[in-house]
Amino acid sequence: MPAYMISYDLRKVRNYDALIKQLKDWDCIAPLQSLWLGQLRGNSVAIRQLLAPLIDGDDGLLIIEIKPTPDWAYLRANDARTGDWLKNNLGSEI
């Protein structure tokens, strides 16, 4: 399955519950507050179509497929699984 980065910007009404529940149900991890990583079926458009009903009309959503690369780094991630997820899906850190 492809690996994806999903980021969102919930603007006026900030109700994250349905969106976060869906991302957790997909076994995504959140290394940062509004940034999620996950291995998901389908392409970015299909993922957007599934997530769009869970956010308001003025909210932003970004889905990017990420490919294996050793060129990554992180600092103080919110999820302790971040390093392992990155190594398993992107390759070893430089």
PDB file of N, CA and C in Angstrom:
ATOM      1  N   MET A   1       0.846  -1.185   0.000  1.00  0.00           N
ATOM      2  CA  MET A   1       0.000   0.000   0.000  1.00  0.00           C
ATOM      3  C   MET A   1       0.885   1.240   0.000  1.00  0.00           C
ATOM      4  N   PRO A   2       0.460   2.268  -0.698  1.00  0.00           N
ATOM      5  CA  PRO A   2       1.231   3.523  -0.707  1.00  0.00           C
ATOM      6  C   PRO A   2       1.194   4.214   0.658  1.00  0.00           C
ATOM      7  N   ALA A   3       2.234   4.969   0.930  1.00  0.00           N
ATOM      8  CA  ALA A   3       2.316   5.775   2.150  1.00  0.00           C
ATOM      9  C   ALA A   3       1.875   7.202   1.815  1.00  0.00           C
ATOM     10  N   TYR A   4       1.107   7.793   2.717  1.00  0.00           N
ATOM     11  CA  TYR A   4       0.595   9.140   2.499  1.00  0.00           C
ATOM     12  C   TYR A   4       0.853  10.031   3.702  1.00  0.00           C
ATOM     13  N   MET A   5       1.022  11.303   3.400  1.00  0.00           N
ATOM     14  CA  MET A   5       1.049  12.355   4.402  1.00  0.00           C
ATOM     15  C   MET A   5      -0.263  13.116   4.255  1.00  0.00           C
ATOM     16  N   ILE A   6      -0.970  13.287   5.355  1.00  0.00           N
ATOM     17  CA  ILE A   6      -2.240  14.004   5.352  1.00  0.00           C
ATOM     18  C   ILE A   6      -2.127  15.156   6.344  1.00  0.00           C
ATOM     19  N   SER A   7      -2.423  16.357   5.868  1.00  0.00           N
ATOM     20  CA  SER A   7      -2.391  17.534   6.733  1.00  0.00           C
ATOM     21  C   SER A   7      -3.693  18.292   6.542  1.00  0.00           C
ATOM     22  N   TYR A   8      -4.131  18.953   7.608  1.00  0.00           N
ATOM     23  CA  TYR A   8      -5.388  19.693   7.515  1.00  0.00           C
ATOM     24  C   TYR A   8      -5.278  20.999   8.269  1.00  0.00           C
ATOM     25  N   ASP A   9      -6.130  21.918   7.875  1.00  0.00           N
ATOM     26  CA  ASP A   9      -6.240  23.212   8.530  1.00  0.00           C
ATOM     27  C   ASP A   9      -7.726  23.452   8.753  1.00  0.00           C
ATOM     28  N   LEU A  10      -8.179  23.172   9.978  1.00  0.00           N
ATOM     29  CA  LEU A  10      -9.582  23.391  10.313  1.00  0.00           C
ATOM     30  C   LEU A  10      -9.703  24.826  10.788  1.00  0.00           C
ATOM     31  N   ARG A  11     -10.486  25.620  10.090  1.00  0.00           N
ATOM     32  CA  ARG A  11     -10.449  27.064  10.269  1.00  0.00           C
ATOM     33  C   ARG A  11     -11.438  27.586  11.302  1.00  0.00           C
ATOM     34  N   LYS A  12     -12.652  27.891  10.968  1.00  0.00           N
ATOM     35  CA  LYS A  12     -13.567  28.572  11.901  1.00  0.00           C
ATOM     36  C   LYS A  12     -14.028  27.662  13.029  1.00  0.00           C
ATOM     37  N   VAL A  13     -14.779  26.641  12.713  1.00  0.00           N
ATOM     38  CA  VAL A  13     -15.237  25.683  13.722  1.00  0.00           C
ATOM     39  C   VAL A  13     -14.208  24.568  13.773  1.00  0.00           C
ATOM     40  N   ARG A  14     -13.623  24.353  14.915  1.00  0.00           N
ATOM     41  CA  ARG A  14     -12.531  23.383  15.018  1.00  0.00           C
ATOM     42  C   ARG A  14     -12.988  22.106  15.703  1.00  0.00           C
ATOM     43  N   ASN A  15     -13.744  21.319  14.986  1.00  0.00           N
ATOM     44  CA  ASN A  15     -14.170  20.034  15.506  1.00  0.00           C
ATOM     45  C   ASN A  15     -13.407  18.952  14.763  1.00  0.00           C
ATOM     46  N   TYR A  16     -12.378  18.432  15.400  1.00  0.00           N
ATOM     47  CA  TYR A  16     -11.490  17.450  14.798  1.00  0.00           C
ATOM     48  C   TYR A  16     -11.973  16.013  14.985  1.00  0.00           C
ATOM     49  N   ASP A  17     -12.974  15.786  15.799  1.00  0.00           N
ATOM     50  CA  ASP A  17     -13.320  14.443  16.247  1.00  0.00           C
ATOM     51  C   ASP A  17     -13.534  13.430  15.122  1.00  0.00           C
ATOM     52  N   ALA A  18     -14.394  13.723  14.160  1.00  0.00           N
ATOM     53  CA  ALA A  18     -14.699  12.761  13.096  1.00  0.00           C
ATOM     54  C   ALA A  18     -13.477  12.499  12.221  1.00  0.00           C
ATOM     55  N   LEU A  19     -12.725  13.538  11.907  1.00  0.00           N
ATOM     56  CA  LEU A  19     -11.527  13.388  11.080  1.00  0.00           C
ATOM     57  C   LEU A  19     -10.473  12.544  11.805  1.00  0.00           C
ATOM     58  N   ILE A  20     -10.217  12.864  13.052  1.00  0.00           N
ATOM     59  CA  ILE A  20      -9.220  12.120  13.825  1.00  0.00           C
ATOM     60  C   ILE A  20      -9.653  10.671  14.013  1.00  0.00           C
ATOM     61  N   LYS A  21     -10.929  10.442  14.272  1.00  0.00           N
ATOM     62  CA  LYS A  21     -11.410   9.073  14.415  1.00  0.00           C
ATOM     63  C   LYS A  21     -11.150   8.275  13.146  1.00  0.00           C
ATOM     64  N   GLN A  22     -11.430   8.868  11.982  1.00  0.00           N
ATOM     65  CA  GLN A  22     -11.214   8.158  10.727  1.00  0.00           C
ATOM     66  C   GLN A  22      -9.732   7.847  10.524  1.00  0.00           C
ATOM     67  N   LEU A  23      -8.865   8.819  10.769  1.00  0.00           N
ATOM     68  CA  LEU A  23      -7.427   8.600  10.592  1.00  0.00           C
ATOM     69  C   LEU A  23      -6.921   7.520  11.547  1.00  0.00           C
ATOM     70  N   LYS A  24      -7.408   7.516  12.769  1.00  0.00           N
ATOM     71  CA  LYS A  24      -7.029   6.463  13.721  1.00  0.00           C
ATOM     72  C   LYS A  24      -7.559   5.105  13.277  1.00  0.00           C
ATOM     73  N   ASP A  25      -8.797   5.083  12.757  1.00  0.00           N
ATOM     74  CA  ASP A  25      -9.366   3.828  12.255  1.00  0.00           C
ATOM     75  C   ASP A  25      -8.530   3.258  11.117  1.00  0.00           C
ATOM     76  N   TRP A  26      -7.884   4.125  10.361  1.00  0.00           N
ATOM     77  CA  TRP A  26      -6.997   3.704   9.270  1.00  0.00           C
ATOM     78  C   TRP A  26      -5.591   3.373   9.776  1.00  0.00           C
ATOM     79  N   ASP A  27      -5.367   3.404  11.074  1.00  0.00           N
ATOM     80  CA  ASP A  27      -4.054   3.143  11.697  1.00  0.00           C
ATOM     81  C   ASP A  27      -2.994   4.152  11.294  1.00  0.00           C
ATOM     82  N   CYS A  28      -3.404   5.379  11.040  1.00  0.00           N
ATOM     83  CA  CYS A  28      -2.449   6.449  10.769  1.00  0.00           C
ATOM     84  C   CYS A  28      -1.835   6.901  12.102  1.00  0.00           C
ATOM     85  N   ILE A  29      -0.670   7.520  12.011  1.00  0.00           N
ATOM     86  CA  ILE A  29      -0.041   8.097  13.196  1.00  0.00           C
ATOM     87  C   ILE A  29       0.062   9.605  13.001  1.00  0.00           C
ATOM     88  N   ALA A  30       0.117  10.333  14.099  1.00  0.00           N
ATOM     89  CA  ALA A  30       0.181  11.801  14.058  1.00  0.00           C
ATOM     90  C   ALA A  30       1.493  12.276  14.682  1.00  0.00           C
ATOM     91  N   PRO A  31       2.534  12.444  13.867  1.00  0.00           N
ATOM     92  CA  PRO A  31       3.790  12.946  14.428  1.00  0.00           C
ATOM     93  C   PRO A  31       3.689  14.403  14.872  1.00  0.00           C
ATOM     94  N   LEU A  32       2.790  15.152  14.261  1.00  0.00           N
ATOM     95  CA  LEU A  32       2.540  16.549  14.629  1.00  0.00           C
ATOM     96  C   LEU A  32       1.034  16.742  14.753  1.00  0.00           C
ATOM     97  N   GLN A  33       0.618  17.819  15.361  1.00  0.00           N
ATOM     98  CA  GLN A  33      -0.787  18.017  15.713  1.00  0.00           C
ATOM     99  C   GLN A  33      -1.754  17.851  14.535  1.00  0.00           C
ATOM    100  N   SER A  34      -1.463  18.421  13.402  1.00  0.00           N
ATOM    101  CA  SER A  34      -2.389  18.307  12.264  1.00  0.00           C
ATOM    102  C   SER A  34      -1.726  17.639  11.056  1.00  0.00           C
ATOM    103  N   LEU A  35      -0.752  16.774  11.326  1.00  0.00           N
ATOM    104  CA  LEU A  35      -0.059  16.028  10.273  1.00  0.00           C
ATOM    105  C   LEU A  35      -0.128  14.551  10.604  1.00  0.00           C
ATOM    106  N   TRP A  36      -0.604  13.766   9.669  1.00  0.00           N
ATOM    107  CA  TRP A  36      -0.766  12.333   9.862  1.00  0.00           C
ATOM    108  C   TRP A  36      -0.022  11.583   8.774  1.00  0.00           C
ATOM    109  N   LEU A  37       0.430  10.391   9.101  1.00  0.00           N
ATOM    110  CA  LEU A  37       1.103   9.504   8.160  1.00  0.00           C
ATOM    111  C   LEU A  37       0.398   8.161   8.188  1.00  0.00           C
ATOM    112  N   GLY A  38       0.221   7.566   7.020  1.00  0.00           N
ATOM    113  CA  GLY A  38      -0.426   6.262   6.989  1.00  0.00           C
ATOM    114  C   GLY A  38      -0.239   5.553   5.672  1.00  0.00           C
ATOM    115  N   GLN A  39      -0.325   4.236   5.733  1.00  0.00           N
ATOM    116  CA  GLN A  39      -0.360   3.421   4.524  1.00  0.00           C
ATOM    117  C   GLN A  39      -1.828   3.214   4.193  1.00  0.00           C
ATOM    118  N   LEU A  40      -2.253   3.693   3.040  1.00  0.00           N
ATOM    119  CA  LEU A  40      -3.675   3.693   2.706  1.00  0.00           C
ATOM    120  C   LEU A  40      -3.918   3.137   1.314  1.00  0.00           C
ATOM    121  N   ARG A  41      -5.054   2.529   1.140  1.00  0.00           N
ATOM    122  CA  ARG A  41      -5.460   2.033  -0.178  1.00  0.00           C
ATOM    123  C   ARG A  41      -6.006   3.201  -0.991  1.00  0.00           C
ATOM    124  N   GLY A  42      -5.823   3.119  -2.293  1.00  0.00           N
ATOM    125  CA  GLY A  42      -6.361   4.144  -3.172  1.00  0.00           C
ATOM    126  C   GLY A  42      -5.375   5.262  -3.413  1.00  0.00           C
ATOM    127  N   ASN A  43      -5.814   6.230  -4.209  1.00  0.00           N
ATOM    128  CA  ASN A  43      -4.954   7.368  -4.520  1.00  0.00           C
ATOM    129  C   ASN A  43      -5.379   8.577  -3.686  1.00  0.00           C
ATOM    130  N   SER A  44      -4.659   9.669  -3.847  1.00  0.00           N
ATOM    131  CA  SER A  44      -4.914  10.850  -3.018  1.00  0.00           C
ATOM    132  C   SER A  44      -6.315  11.426  -3.246  1.00  0.00           C
ATOM    133  N   VAL A  45      -6.817  11.355  -4.460  1.00  0.00           N
ATOM    134  CA  VAL A  45      -8.159  11.865  -4.746  1.00  0.00           C
ATOM    135  C   VAL A  45      -9.211  11.028  -4.012  1.00  0.00           C
ATOM    136  N   ALA A  46      -9.054   9.717  -4.009  1.00  0.00           N
ATOM    137  CA  ALA A  46      -9.992   8.843  -3.306  1.00  0.00           C
ATOM    138  C   ALA A  46      -9.956   9.109  -1.798  1.00  0.00           C
ATOM    139  N   ILE A  47      -8.768   9.312  -1.257  1.00  0.00           N
ATOM    140  CA  ILE A  47      -8.636   9.606   0.172  1.00  0.00           C
ATOM    141  C   ILE A  47      -9.291  10.946   0.482  1.00  0.00           C
ATOM    142  N   ARG A  48      -9.061  11.932  -0.366  1.00  0.00           N
ATOM    143  CA  ARG A  48      -9.701  13.245  -0.180  1.00  0.00           C
ATOM    144  C   ARG A  48     -11.216  13.114  -0.180  1.00  0.00           C
ATOM    145  N   GLN A  49     -11.759  12.332  -1.090  1.00  0.00           N
ATOM    146  CA  GLN A  49     -13.205  12.166  -1.168  1.00  0.00           C
ATOM    147  C   GLN A  49     -13.771  11.513   0.092  1.00  0.00           C
ATOM    148  N   LEU A  50     -13.004  10.632   0.712  1.00  0.00           N
ATOM    149  CA  LEU A  50     -13.458   9.992   1.944  1.00  0.00           C
ATOM    150  C   LEU A  50     -13.371  10.932   3.150  1.00  0.00           C
ATOM    151  N   LEU A  51     -12.368  11.814   3.150  1.00  0.00           N
ATOM    152  CA  LEU A  51     -12.178  12.706   4.292  1.00  0.00           C
ATOM    153  C   LEU A  51     -12.969  14.013   4.179  1.00  0.00           C
ATOM    154  N   ALA A  52     -13.268  14.463   2.982  1.00  0.00           N
ATOM    155  CA  ALA A  52     -13.936  15.752   2.778  1.00  0.00           C
ATOM    156  C   ALA A  52     -15.244  15.893   3.557  1.00  0.00           C
ATOM    157  N   PRO A  53     -16.081  14.865   3.634  1.00  0.00           N
ATOM    158  CA  PRO A  53     -17.326  15.018   4.409  1.00  0.00           C
ATOM    159  C   PRO A  53     -17.099  15.174   5.917  1.00  0.00           C
ATOM    160  N   LEU A  54     -15.898  14.923   6.380  1.00  0.00           N
ATOM    161  CA  LEU A  54     -15.603  14.983   7.816  1.00  0.00           C
ATOM    162  C   LEU A  54     -15.091  16.344   8.263  1.00  0.00           C
ATOM    163  N   ILE A  55     -14.940  17.273   7.305  1.00  0.00           N
ATOM    164  CA  ILE A  55     -14.467  18.619   7.620  1.00  0.00           C
ATOM    165  C   ILE A  55     -15.476  19.638   7.088  1.00  0.00           C
ATOM    166  N   ASP A  56     -15.360  20.873   7.556  1.00  0.00           N
ATOM    167  CA  ASP A  56     -16.253  21.932   7.095  1.00  0.00           C
ATOM    168  C   ASP A  56     -15.820  22.471   5.735  1.00  0.00           C
ATOM    169  N   GLY A  57     -16.716  23.197   5.073  1.00  0.00           N
ATOM    170  CA  GLY A  57     -16.466  23.718   3.730  1.00  0.00           C
ATOM    171  C   GLY A  57     -15.336  24.722   3.641  1.00  0.00           C
ATOM    172  N   ASP A  58     -14.944  25.342   4.741  1.00  0.00           N
ATOM    173  CA  ASP A  58     -13.854  26.323   4.695  1.00  0.00           C
ATOM    174  C   ASP A  58     -12.519  25.739   5.170  1.00  0.00           C
ATOM    175  N   ASP A  59     -12.488  24.457   5.526  1.00  0.00           N
ATOM    176  CA  ASP A  59     -11.266  23.827   6.012  1.00  0.00           C
ATOM    177  C   ASP A  59     -10.357  23.422   4.853  1.00  0.00           C
ATOM    178  N   GLY A  60      -9.068  23.306   5.139  1.00  0.00           N
ATOM    179  CA  GLY A  60      -8.095  22.875   4.142  1.00  0.00           C
ATOM    180  C   GLY A  60      -7.671  21.442   4.393  1.00  0.00           C
ATOM    181  N   LEU A  61      -7.305  20.750   3.312  1.00  0.00           N
ATOM    182  CA  LEU A  61      -6.886  19.362   3.395  1.00  0.00           C
ATOM    183  C   LEU A  61      -5.818  19.119   2.341  1.00  0.00           C
ATOM    184  N   LEU A  62      -4.734  18.462   2.723  1.00  0.00           N
ATOM    185  CA  LEU A  62      -3.634  18.167   1.807  1.00  0.00           C
ATOM    186  C   LEU A  62      -3.255  16.708   1.963  1.00  0.00           C
ATOM    187  N   ILE A  63      -3.243  15.967   0.853  1.00  0.00           N
ATOM    188  CA  ILE A  63      -2.866  14.559   0.858  1.00  0.00           C
ATOM    189  C   ILE A  63      -1.765  14.380  -0.185  1.00  0.00           C
ATOM    190  N   ILE A  64      -0.628  13.853   0.256  1.00  0.00           N
ATOM    191  CA  ILE A  64       0.511  13.665  -0.645  1.00  0.00           C
ATOM    192  C   ILE A  64       1.048  12.252  -0.468  1.00  0.00           C
ATOM    193  N   GLU A  65       1.196  11.528  -1.566  1.00  0.00           N
ATOM    194  CA  GLU A  65       1.850  10.228  -1.489  1.00  0.00           C
ATOM    195  C   GLU A  65       3.336  10.464  -1.261  1.00  0.00           C
ATOM    196  N   ILE A  66       3.904   9.735  -0.327  1.00  0.00           N
ATOM    197  CA  ILE A  66       5.333   9.872  -0.058  1.00  0.00           C
ATOM    198  C   ILE A  66       6.036   8.582  -0.462  1.00  0.00           C
ATOM    199  N   LYS A  67       7.158   8.741  -1.123  1.00  0.00           N
ATOM    200  CA  LYS A  67       7.920   7.617  -1.671  1.00  0.00           C
ATOM    201  C   LYS A  67       9.142   7.338  -0.799  1.00  0.00           C
ATOM    202  N   PRO A  68       9.640   6.127  -0.852  1.00  0.00           N
ATOM    203  CA  PRO A  68      10.840   5.793  -0.079  1.00  0.00           C
ATOM    204  C   PRO A  68      12.008   6.721  -0.410  1.00  0.00           C
ATOM    205  N   THR A  69      12.657   7.197   0.636  1.00  0.00           N
ATOM    206  CA  THR A  69      13.840   8.039   0.533  1.00  0.00           C
ATOM    207  C   THR A  69      14.536   8.029   1.884  1.00  0.00           C
ATOM    208  N   PRO A  70      15.861   8.034   1.900  1.00  0.00           N
ATOM    209  CA  PRO A  70      16.547   8.107   3.190  1.00  0.00           C
ATOM    210  C   PRO A  70      16.665   9.547   3.700  1.00  0.00           C
ATOM    211  N   ASP A  71      16.171  10.511   2.933  1.00  0.00           N
ATOM    212  CA  ASP A  71      16.345  11.919   3.274  1.00  0.00           C
ATOM    213  C   ASP A  71      15.150  12.429   4.072  1.00  0.00           C
ATOM    214  N   TRP A  72      15.147  12.162   5.362  1.00  0.00           N
ATOM    215  CA  TRP A  72      14.089  12.628   6.252  1.00  0.00           C
ATOM    216  C   TRP A  72      14.675  12.785   7.647  1.00  0.00           C
ATOM    217  N   ALA A  73      14.016  13.591   8.438  1.00  0.00           N
ATOM    218  CA  ALA A  73      14.416  13.806   9.828  1.00  0.00           C
ATOM    219  C   ALA A  73      13.212  14.347  10.585  1.00  0.00           C
ATOM    220  N   TYR A  74      13.217  14.172  11.885  1.00  0.00           N
ATOM    221  CA  TYR A  74      12.144  14.740  12.700  1.00  0.00           C
ATOM    222  C   TYR A  74      12.697  15.117  14.067  1.00  0.00           C
ATOM    223  N   LEU A  75      11.933  15.916  14.768  1.00  0.00           N
ATOM    224  CA  LEU A  75      12.328  16.376  16.098  1.00  0.00           C
ATOM    225  C   LEU A  75      11.071  16.491  16.961  1.00  0.00           C
ATOM    226  N   ARG A  76      11.070  15.865  18.095  1.00  0.00           N
ATOM    227  CA  ARG A  76       9.986  15.939  19.079  1.00  0.00           C
ATOM    228  C   ARG A  76       8.603  15.627  18.481  1.00  0.00           C
ATOM    229  N   ALA A  77       8.489  14.477  17.897  1.00  0.00           N
ATOM    230  CA  ALA A  77       7.192  14.046  17.364  1.00  0.00           C
ATOM    231  C   ALA A  77       6.235  13.734  18.500  1.00  0.00           C
ATOM    232  N   ASN A  78       4.950  13.914  18.261  1.00  0.00           N
ATOM    233  CA  ASN A  78       3.912  13.618  19.251  1.00  0.00           C
ATOM    234  C   ASN A  78       3.684  12.126  19.436  1.00  0.00           C
ATOM    235  N   ASP A  79       3.972  11.337  18.423  1.00  0.00           N
ATOM    236  CA  ASP A  79       3.731   9.897  18.474  1.00  0.00           C
ATOM    237  C   ASP A  79       5.067   9.167  18.534  1.00  0.00           C
ATOM    238  N   ALA A  80       5.253   8.339  19.532  1.00  0.00           N
ATOM    239  CA  ALA A  80       6.509   7.619  19.727  1.00  0.00           C
ATOM    240  C   ALA A  80       6.817   6.650  18.588  1.00  0.00           C
ATOM    241  N   ARG A  81       5.807   6.311  17.789  1.00  0.00           N
ATOM    242  CA  ARG A  81       6.012   5.377  16.672  1.00  0.00           C
ATOM    243  C   ARG A  81       6.551   6.054  15.419  1.00  0.00           C
ATOM    244  N   THR A  82       6.735   7.360  15.450  1.00  0.00           N
ATOM    245  CA  THR A  82       7.113   8.115  14.251  1.00  0.00           C
ATOM    246  C   THR A  82       8.394   7.598  13.609  1.00  0.00           C
ATOM    247  N   GLY A  83       9.455   7.455  14.378  1.00  0.00           N
ATOM    248  CA  GLY A  83      10.729   6.992  13.816  1.00  0.00           C
ATOM    249  C   GLY A  83      10.608   5.638  13.152  1.00  0.00           C
ATOM    250  N   ASP A  84       9.945   4.693  13.814  1.00  0.00           N
ATOM    251  CA  ASP A  84       9.765   3.365  13.231  1.00  0.00           C
ATOM    252  C   ASP A  84       8.920   3.433  11.964  1.00  0.00           C
ATOM    253  N   TRP A  85       7.849   4.242  11.981  1.00  0.00           N
ATOM    254  CA  TRP A  85       7.003   4.357  10.791  1.00  0.00           C
ATOM    255  C   TRP A  85       7.819   4.898   9.621  1.00  0.00           C
ATOM    256  N   LEU A  86       8.597   5.933   9.871  1.00  0.00           N
ATOM    257  CA  LEU A  86       9.404   6.524   8.804  1.00  0.00           C
ATOM    258  C   LEU A  86      10.430   5.527   8.276  1.00  0.00           C
ATOM    259  N   LYS A  87      11.109   4.818   9.150  1.00  0.00           N
ATOM    260  CA  LYS A  87      12.085   3.811   8.709  1.00  0.00           C
ATOM    261  C   LYS A  87      11.418   2.712   7.900  1.00  0.00           C
ATOM    262  N   ASN A  88      10.268   2.248   8.355  1.00  0.00           N
ATOM    263  CA  ASN A  88       9.574   1.150   7.666  1.00  0.00           C
ATOM    264  C   ASN A  88       8.982   1.547   6.325  1.00  0.00           C
ATOM    265  N   ASN A  89       8.593   2.823   6.191  1.00  0.00           N
ATOM    266  CA  ASN A  89       7.910   3.260   4.975  1.00  0.00           C
ATOM    267  C   ASN A  89       8.757   4.108   4.048  1.00  0.00           C
ATOM    268  N   LEU A  90       9.781   4.756   4.580  1.00  0.00           N
ATOM    269  CA  LEU A  90      10.610   5.617   3.744  1.00  0.00           C
ATOM    270  C   LEU A  90      12.042   5.127   3.620  1.00  0.00           C
ATOM    271  N   GLY A  91      12.526   4.376   4.565  1.00  0.00           N
ATOM    272  CA  GLY A  91      13.898   3.902   4.559  1.00  0.00           C
ATOM    273  C   GLY A  91      14.673   4.520   5.701  1.00  0.00           C
ATOM    274  N   SER A  92      15.898   4.113   5.865  1.00  0.00           N
ATOM    275  CA  SER A  92      16.720   4.596   6.970  1.00  0.00           C
ATOM    276  C   SER A  92      17.057   6.052   6.821  1.00  0.00           C
ATOM    277  N   GLU A  93      17.055   6.739   7.948  1.00  0.00           N
ATOM    278  CA  GLU A  93      17.418   8.166   8.008  1.00  0.00           C
ATOM    279  C   GLU A  93      18.875   8.332   7.611  1.00  0.00           C
ATOM    280  N   ILE A  94      19.177   9.458   6.967  1.00  0.00           N
ATOM    281  CA  ILE A  94      20.568   9.767   6.583  1.00  0.00           C
ATOM    282  C   ILE A  94      21.402   9.918   7.828  1.00  0.00           C
TER     283      ILE A  94
END
